[in-house]
C-alpha atoms as a PDB file:
ATOM      1  CA  UNK A   1      -6.955   6.101  11.173  1.00  0.00           C
ATOM      2  CA  UNK A   2      -4.056   7.232   9.070  1.00  0.00           C
ATOM      3  CA  UNK A   3      -4.750   7.607   5.128  1.00  0.00           C
ATOM      4  CA  UNK A   4      -2.366   7.269   2.372  1.00  0.00           C
ATOM      5  CA  UNK A   5      -3.445   8.029  -0.831  1.00  0.00           C
ATOM      6  CA  UNK A   6      -3.088   6.267  -4.038  1.00  0.00           C
ATOM      7  CA  UNK A   7      -2.308   8.279  -7.577  1.00  0.00           C
ATOM      8  CA  UNK A   8      -2.863   4.987  -9.499  1.00  0.00           C
ATOM      9  CA  UNK A   9      -6.370   6.509 -11.082  1.00  0.00           C
ATOM     10  CA  UNK A  10      -4.817   9.796 -11.664  1.00  0.00           C
ATOM     11  CA  UNK A  11      -5.016  11.288 -15.442  1.00  0.00           C
ATOM     12  CA  UNK A  12      -2.260  13.829 -13.967  1.00  0.00           C
ATOM     13  CA  UNK A  13      -0.549  12.591 -11.696  1.00  0.00           C
ATOM     14  CA  UNK A  14       1.802  15.701 -11.496  1.00  0.00           C
ATOM     15  CA  UNK A  15      -1.153  18.358 -10.447  1.00  0.00           C
ATOM     16  CA  UNK A  16      -2.514  15.823  -8.350  1.00  0.00           C
ATOM     17  CA  UNK A  17       0.460  15.465  -6.471  1.00  0.00           C
ATOM     18  CA  UNK A  18       0.951  18.859  -6.036  1.00  0.00           C
ATOM     19  CA  UNK A  19      -2.860  19.000  -4.468  1.00  0.00           C
ATOM     20  CA  UNK A  20      -2.502  16.356  -2.573  1.00  0.00           C
ATOM     21  CA  UNK A  21       0.848  17.862  -0.620  1.00  0.00           C
ATOM     22  CA  UNK A  22      -1.348  20.312   0.299  1.00  0.00           C
ATOM     23  CA  UNK A  23      -3.538  18.475   2.269  1.00  0.00           C
ATOM     24  CA  UNK A  24      -3.136  16.434   5.464  1.00  0.00           C
ATOM     25  CA  UNK A  25      -2.591  12.960   4.088  1.00  0.00           C
ATOM     26  CA  UNK A  26       0.062  10.899   5.975  1.00  0.00           C
ATOM     27  CA  UNK A  27       1.373   8.795   2.991  1.00  0.00           C
ATOM     28  CA  UNK A  28       1.421   8.889  -0.620  1.00  0.00           C
ATOM     29  CA  UNK A  29       1.226   5.590  -2.029  1.00  0.00           C
ATOM     30  CA  UNK A  30       3.278   4.656  -4.838  1.00  0.00           C
ATOM     31  CA  UNK A  31       1.642   1.397  -6.420  1.00  0.00           C
ATOM     32  CA  UNK A  32       4.787  -0.156  -8.687  1.00  0.00           C
ATOM     33  CA  UNK A  33       3.654  -2.807 -11.541  1.00  0.00           C
ATOM     34  CA  UNK A  34       5.842  -5.190 -13.905  1.00  0.00           C
ATOM     35  CA  UNK A  35       3.410  -6.516 -16.198  1.00  0.00           C
ATOM     36  CA  UNK A  36       4.091  -9.957 -15.215  1.00  0.00           C
ATOM     37  CA  UNK A  37       3.171 -10.126 -11.514  1.00  0.00           C
ATOM     38  CA  UNK A  38      -0.382  -8.454 -12.240  1.00  0.00           C
ATOM     39  CA  UNK A  39      -1.446  -7.599 -15.731  1.00  0.00           C
ATOM     40  CA  UNK A  40      -0.755  -3.855 -15.961  1.00  0.00           C
ATOM     41  CA  UNK A  41       2.552  -1.672 -15.959  1.00  0.00           C
ATOM     42  CA  UNK A  42       3.150   1.664 -14.186  1.00  0.00           C
ATOM     43  CA  UNK A  43       5.886   4.156 -15.013  1.00  0.00           C
ATOM     44  CA  UNK A  44       9.443   3.577 -15.276  1.00  0.00           C
ATOM     45  CA  UNK A  45      11.390   4.721 -11.915  1.00  0.00           C
ATOM     46  CA  UNK A  46      12.569   7.316 -14.326  1.00  0.00           C
ATOM     47  CA  UNK A  47       9.732   8.949 -14.241  1.00  0.00           C
ATOM     48  CA  UNK A  48       8.340   7.924 -10.655  1.00  0.00           C
ATOM     49  CA  UNK A  49      11.659   9.253  -9.072  1.00  0.00           C
ATOM     50  CA  UNK A  50      10.962  12.943 -10.057  1.00  0.00           C
ATOM     51  CA  UNK A  51       7.726  12.363  -7.117  1.00  0.00           C
ATOM     52  CA  UNK A  52       9.780  14.743  -5.121  1.00  0.00           C
ATOM     53  CA  UNK A  53       9.295  17.515  -7.124  1.00  0.00           C
ATOM     54  CA  UNK A  54       5.647  17.378  -6.311  1.00  0.00           C
ATOM     55  CA  UNK A  55       5.724  16.156  -2.813  1.00  0.00           C
ATOM     56  CA  UNK A  56       7.417  16.006   0.207  1.00  0.00           C
ATOM     57  CA  UNK A  57       4.723  13.584   2.242  1.00  0.00           C
ATOM     58  CA  UNK A  58       6.487  10.098   2.868  1.00  0.00           C
ATOM     59  CA  UNK A  59       5.931   7.329   0.273  1.00  0.00           C
ATOM     60  CA  UNK A  60       4.295   4.270   1.200  1.00  0.00           C
ATOM     61  CA  UNK A  61       5.628   1.853  -1.463  1.00  0.00           C
ATOM     62  CA  UNK A  62       3.607  -1.122  -3.017  1.00  0.00           C
ATOM     63  CA  UNK A  63       5.460  -3.048  -5.026  1.00  0.00           C
ATOM     64  CA  UNK A  64       3.379  -5.554  -7.117  1.00  0.00           C
ATOM     65  CA  UNK A  65       6.333  -6.920  -9.254  1.00  0.00           C
ATOM     66  CA  UNK A  66       8.287 -10.998  -9.873  1.00  0.00           C
ATOM     67  CA  UNK A  67      11.028  -9.201  -8.644  1.00  0.00           C
ATOM     68  CA  UNK A  68      11.333  -6.715  -5.810  1.00  0.00           C
ATOM     69  CA  UNK A  69      14.814  -7.111  -5.312  1.00  0.00           C
ATOM     70  CA  UNK A  70      15.578  -4.825  -8.744  1.00  0.00           C
ATOM     71  CA  UNK A  71      13.260  -2.526  -6.874  1.00  0.00           C
ATOM     72  CA  UNK A  72      13.649  -2.107  -3.491  1.00  0.00           C
ATOM     73  CA  UNK A  73      17.365  -0.241  -3.855  1.00  0.00           C
ATOM     74  CA  UNK A  74      15.773   2.229  -6.599  1.00  0.00           C
ATOM     75  CA  UNK A  75      12.710   3.253  -4.067  1.00  0.00           C
ATOM     76  CA  UNK A  76      14.984   3.309  -0.797  1.00  0.00           C
ATOM     77  CA  UNK A  77      16.481   6.197  -2.533  1.00  0.00           C
ATOM     78  CA  UNK A  78      13.206   8.205  -2.407  1.00  0.00           C
ATOM     79  CA  UNK A  79      11.126   9.553   0.782  1.00  0.00           C
ATOM     80  CA  UNK A  80      10.097   6.339   1.582  1.00  0.00           C
ATOM     81  CA  UNK A  81       8.547   4.878   5.268  1.00  0.00           C
ATOM     82  CA  UNK A  82       7.067   1.714   4.095  1.00  0.00           C
ATOM     83  CA  UNK A  83       7.853  -0.878   1.012  1.00  0.00           C
ATOM     84  CA  UNK A  84       5.822  -3.568   1.160  1.00  0.00           C
ATOM     85  CA  UNK A  85       6.117  -7.111  -1.050  1.00  0.00           C
ATOM     86  CA  UNK A  86       3.826  -9.615  -1.383  1.00  0.00           C
ATOM     87  CA  UNK A  87       3.337 -12.786   0.045  1.00  0.00           C
ATOM     88  CA  UNK A  88       2.561 -14.762  -2.992  1.00  0.00           C
ATOM     89  CA  UNK A  89       6.061 -14.224  -4.267  1.00  0.00           C
ATOM     90  CA  UNK A  90       7.969 -17.259  -5.874  1.00  0.00           C
ATOM     91  CA  UNK A  91      11.343 -14.743  -4.621  1.00  0.00           C
ATOM     92  CA  UNK A  92      12.624 -15.292  -1.499  1.00  0.00           C
ATOM     93  CA  UNK A  93      11.083 -13.517   0.796  1.00  0.00           C
ATOM     94  CA  UNK A  94      12.960 -13.613   3.808  1.00  0.00           C
ATOM     95  CA  UNK A  95      15.841 -11.952   1.517  1.00  0.00           C
ATOM     96  CA  UNK A  96      13.564  -9.210  -0.001  1.00  0.00           C
ATOM     97  CA  UNK A  97      12.343  -8.232   3.513  1.00  0.00           C
ATOM     98  CA  UNK A  98      16.048  -8.251   4.918  1.00  0.00           C
ATOM     99  CA  UNK A  99      16.920  -5.986   2.012  1.00  0.00           C
ATOM    100  CA  UNK A 100      14.665  -3.856   2.980  1.00  0.00           C
ATOM    101  CA  UNK A 101      15.224  -3.530   6.642  1.00  0.00           C
ATOM    102  CA  UNK A 102      19.420  -2.954   5.732  1.00  0.00           C
ATOM    103  CA  UNK A 103      17.998   0.310   4.058  1.00  0.00           C
ATOM    104  CA  UNK A 104      16.230   1.424   7.697  1.00  0.00           C
ATOM    105  CA  UNK A 105      13.078   1.445   5.518  1.00  0.00           C
ATOM    106  CA  UNK A 106       9.949  -0.489   7.412  1.00  0.00           C
ATOM    107  CA  UNK A 107       9.130  -3.692   5.601  1.00  0.00           C
ATOM    108  CA  UNK A 108       5.365  -4.407   4.574  1.00  0.00           C
ATOM    109  CA  UNK A 109       3.936  -7.443   3.412  1.00  0.00           C
ATOM    110  CA  UNK A 110       0.873  -7.449   1.308  1.00  0.00           C
ATOM    111  CA  UNK A 111      -1.830 -10.326   1.126  1.00  0.00           C
ATOM    112  CA  UNK A 112      -3.959 -11.002  -1.990  1.00  0.00           C
ATOM    113  CA  UNK A 113      -7.847 -11.665  -1.602  1.00  0.00           C
ATOM    114  CA  UNK A 114      -7.536 -15.397  -1.935  1.00  0.00           C
ATOM    115  CA  UNK A 115      -4.510 -15.960   0.317  1.00  0.00           C
ATOM    116  CA  UNK A 116      -4.706 -17.607   3.392  1.00  0.00           C
ATOM    117  CA  UNK A 117      -3.840 -15.354   5.678  1.00  0.00           C
ATOM    118  CA  UNK A 118      -1.708 -18.234   7.971  1.00  0.00           C
ATOM    119  CA  UNK A 119       0.996 -17.481   4.523  1.00  0.00           C
ATOM    120  CA  UNK A 120       2.458 -14.694   6.607  1.00  0.00           C
ATOM    121  CA  UNK A 121       2.919 -16.379   9.758  1.00  0.00           C
ATOM    122  CA  UNK A 122       6.603 -17.355   8.640  1.00  0.00           C
ATOM    123  CA  UNK A 123       7.255 -13.718   8.434  1.00  0.00           C
ATOM    124  CA  UNK A 124       5.614 -12.080  11.272  1.00  0.00           C
ATOM    125  CA  UNK A 125       8.588 -10.876  13.521  1.00  0.00           C
ATOM    126  CA  UNK A 126      10.501  -9.365  10.328  1.00  0.00           C
ATOM    127  CA  UNK A 127       7.045  -6.890   8.946  1.00  0.00           C
ATOM    128  CA  UNK A 128       6.140  -3.753  10.120  1.00  0.00           C
ATOM    129  CA  UNK A 129       3.184  -3.543   8.288  1.00  0.00           C
ATOM    130  CA  UNK A 130       0.122  -5.993   6.277  1.00  0.00           C
ATOM    131  CA  UNK A 131      -1.252  -4.812   3.709  1.00  0.00           C
ATOM    132  CA  UNK A 132      -4.612  -6.468   3.038  1.00  0.00           C
ATOM    133  CA  UNK A 133      -5.801  -6.644  -0.132  1.00  0.00           C
ATOM    134  CA  UNK A 134      -9.536  -5.711  -0.636  1.00  0.00           C
ATOM    135  CA  UNK A 135      -9.600  -5.967  -4.645  1.00  0.00           C
ATOM    136  CA  UNK A 136      -7.811  -7.687  -6.849  1.00  0.00           C
ATOM    137  CA  UNK A 137      -4.377  -6.021  -6.925  1.00  0.00           C
ATOM    138  CA  UNK A 138      -3.376  -4.374  -9.903  1.00  0.00           C
ATOM    139  CA  UNK A 139      -6.037  -1.921 -10.965  1.00  0.00           C
ATOM    140  CA  UNK A 140      -7.360   1.126  -9.471  1.00  0.00           C
ATOM    141  CA  UNK A 141     -11.267   2.051  -9.239  1.00  0.00           C
ATOM    142  CA  UNK A 142     -12.216  -1.526  -8.257  1.00  0.00           C
ATOM    143  CA  UNK A 143     -15.104  -2.531  -5.575  1.00  0.00           C
ATOM    144  CA  UNK A 144     -14.518  -3.133  -2.396  1.00  0.00           C
ATOM    145  CA  UNK A 145     -14.813  -7.395  -1.750  1.00  0.00           C
ATOM    146  CA  UNK A 146     -16.908  -7.593   1.409  1.00  0.00           C
ATOM    147  CA  UNK A 147     -15.437 -10.794   2.618  1.00  0.00           C
ATOM    148  CA  UNK A 148     -12.184  -8.309   3.270  1.00  0.00           C
ATOM    149  CA  UNK A 149     -13.774  -7.081   6.835  1.00  0.00           C
ATOM    150  CA  UNK A 150     -13.438 -10.681   8.307  1.00  0.00           C
ATOM    151  CA  UNK A 151      -9.831 -10.963   6.524  1.00  0.00           C
ATOM    152  CA  UNK A 152      -9.128  -7.644   8.812  1.00  0.00           C
ATOM    153  CA  UNK A 153     -10.197  -8.926  11.854  1.00  0.00           C
ATOM    154  CA  UNK A 154      -8.388 -12.506  11.256  1.00  0.00           C
ATOM    155  CA  UNK A 155      -5.217 -10.777  10.384  1.00  0.00           C
ATOM    156  CA  UNK A 156      -5.523  -7.983  13.509  1.00  0.00           C
ATOM    157  CA  UNK A 157      -6.212 -11.632  15.682  1.00  0.00           C
ATOM    158  CA  UNK A 158      -3.323 -13.220  14.216  1.00  0.00           C
ATOM    159  CA  UNK A 159      -0.755 -10.349  15.099  1.00  0.00           C
ATOM    160  CA  UNK A 160      -2.342 -10.035  18.598  1.00  0.00           C
ATOM    161  CA  UNK A 161      -1.429 -13.869  19.134  1.00  0.00           C
ATOM    162  CA  UNK A 162       2.300 -13.616  18.115  1.00  0.00           C
ATOM    163  CA  UNK A 163       2.270 -10.496  19.454  1.00  0.00           C
ATOM    164  CA  UNK A 164       3.461  -8.665  16.382  1.00  0.00           C
ATOM    165  CA  UNK A 165       3.336  -4.595  16.779  1.00  0.00           C
ATOM    166  CA  UNK A 166       2.858  -4.525  12.589  1.00  0.00           C
ATOM    167  CA  UNK A 167       0.176  -2.160  12.019  1.00  0.00           C
ATOM    168  CA  UNK A 168      -2.549  -3.006   9.350  1.00  0.00           C
ATOM    169  CA  UNK A 169      -2.841  -1.243   6.030  1.00  0.00           C
ATOM    170  CA  UNK A 170      -6.317  -1.705   3.701  1.00  0.00           C
ATOM    171  CA  UNK A 171      -6.119  -0.843   0.116  1.00  0.00           C
ATOM    172  CA  UNK A 172      -8.723  -1.611  -2.546  1.00  0.00           C
ATOM    173  CA  UNK A 173     -12.291   0.062  -3.098  1.00  0.00           C
ATOM    174  CA  UNK A 174     -11.761   2.646   0.055  1.00  0.00           C
ATOM    175  CA  UNK A 175     -14.537   5.183   0.098  1.00  0.00           C
ATOM    176  CA  UNK A 176     -16.534   7.092   2.809  1.00  0.00           C
ATOM    177  CA  UNK A 177     -18.916   3.714   3.225  1.00  0.00           C
ATOM    178  CA  UNK A 178     -16.563   0.992   2.896  1.00  0.00           C
ATOM    179  CA  UNK A 179     -13.872   2.408   5.508  1.00  0.00           C
ATOM    180  CA  UNK A 180     -16.291   1.885   7.903  1.00  0.00           C
ATOM    181  CA  UNK A 181     -15.537  -1.757   7.740  1.00  0.00           C
ATOM    182  CA  UNK A 182     -11.820  -1.182   8.041  1.00  0.00           C
ATOM    183  CA  UNK A 183     -12.216  -0.482  12.064  1.00  0.00           C
ATOM    184  CA  UNK A 184      -9.553  -2.730  12.899  1.00  0.00           C
ATOM    185  CA  UNK A 185      -6.953  -1.220  10.575  1.00  0.00           C
ATOM    186  CA  UNK A 186      -4.556   1.563  11.361  1.00  0.00           C
ATOM    187  CA  UNK A 187      -4.248   2.829   7.701  1.00  0.00           C
ATOM    188  CA  UNK A 188      -6.591   3.147   4.889  1.00  0.00           C
ATOM    189  CA  UNK A 189      -5.267   3.482   1.263  1.00  0.00           C
ATOM    190  CA  UNK A 190      -7.802   5.315  -1.037  1.00  0.00           C
ATOM    191  CA  UNK A 191      -7.120   6.377  -4.677  1.00  0.00           C
ATOM    192  CA  UNK A 192      -9.905   7.023  -7.168  1.00  0.00           C
ATOM    193  CA  UNK A 193     -12.280   8.149  -4.547  1.00  0.00           C
ATOM    194  CA  UNK A 194     -10.149  11.116  -3.521  1.00  0.00           C
ATOM    195  CA  UNK A 195      -7.949  11.967  -7.256  1.00  0.00           C
ATOM    196  CA  UNK A 196     -11.592  11.976  -8.630  1.00  0.00           C
ATOM    197  CA  UNK A 197     -13.267  14.157  -6.344  1.00  0.00           C
ATOM    198  CA  UNK A 198     -13.189  18.044  -6.148  1.00  0.00           C
ATOM    199  CA  UNK A 199     -12.254  18.540  -3.247  1.00  0.00           C
ATOM    200  CA  UNK A 200      -9.001  15.839  -1.844  1.00  0.00           C
ATOM    201  CA  UNK A 201      -9.007  17.370   1.727  1.00  0.00           C
ATOM    202  CA  UNK A 202     -12.440  16.723   2.362  1.00  0.00           C
ATOM    203  CA  UNK A 203     -12.464  12.901   1.126  1.00  0.00           C
ATOM    204  CA  UNK A 204      -9.366  12.497   3.079  1.00  0.00           C
ATOM    205  CA  UNK A 205     -11.589  13.385   6.221  1.00  0.00           C
ATOM    206  CA  UNK A 206     -14.024  11.709   5.835  1.00  0.00           C
ATOM    207  CA  UNK A 207     -11.795   8.605   5.541  1.00  0.00           C
ATOM    208  CA  UNK A 208     -10.382   9.438   9.271  1.00  0.00           C
END
């Protein structure tokens, strides 16, 4: 199991990113919120771009924004492996996925807890990752939604039925207990479980 660490709950991102850089975490999960697609808002790109000063880890960028086309070129400049947009967007999703791919970056598609898994079908051939939200997106520190375990299995079955090699990432309420319900995943994203602890590496190791 790969682990992506979110610093959304961090009270001191510079310190926590430096500490994460000293662990064997696979990715830094970067949550971008515009205050429109979800109620909360994260720091602007002018500040976020400085992430490279604190970590050399590959980035897993999650765009919770109404207009991803504004953000994709910016985050494509960083040490980014994945850029993920939401299937619930009213924007042209294919256009956004093609824009991500044009930068030779892997494209992800995220799905909220109450969205039908079948909404992913038109885009399956074009994505490298499905990000299953196991909480309502927009805030850190929420509890894992119990039904997420079945949704993860449903996504895995869907990928297999279309012979799609995309990985599954699960984000929200991930800790040492809930990770056991994510056996069908390839990556888990954990935030407060890691950054609110005294030993980042111990928490990361407990998720693998």
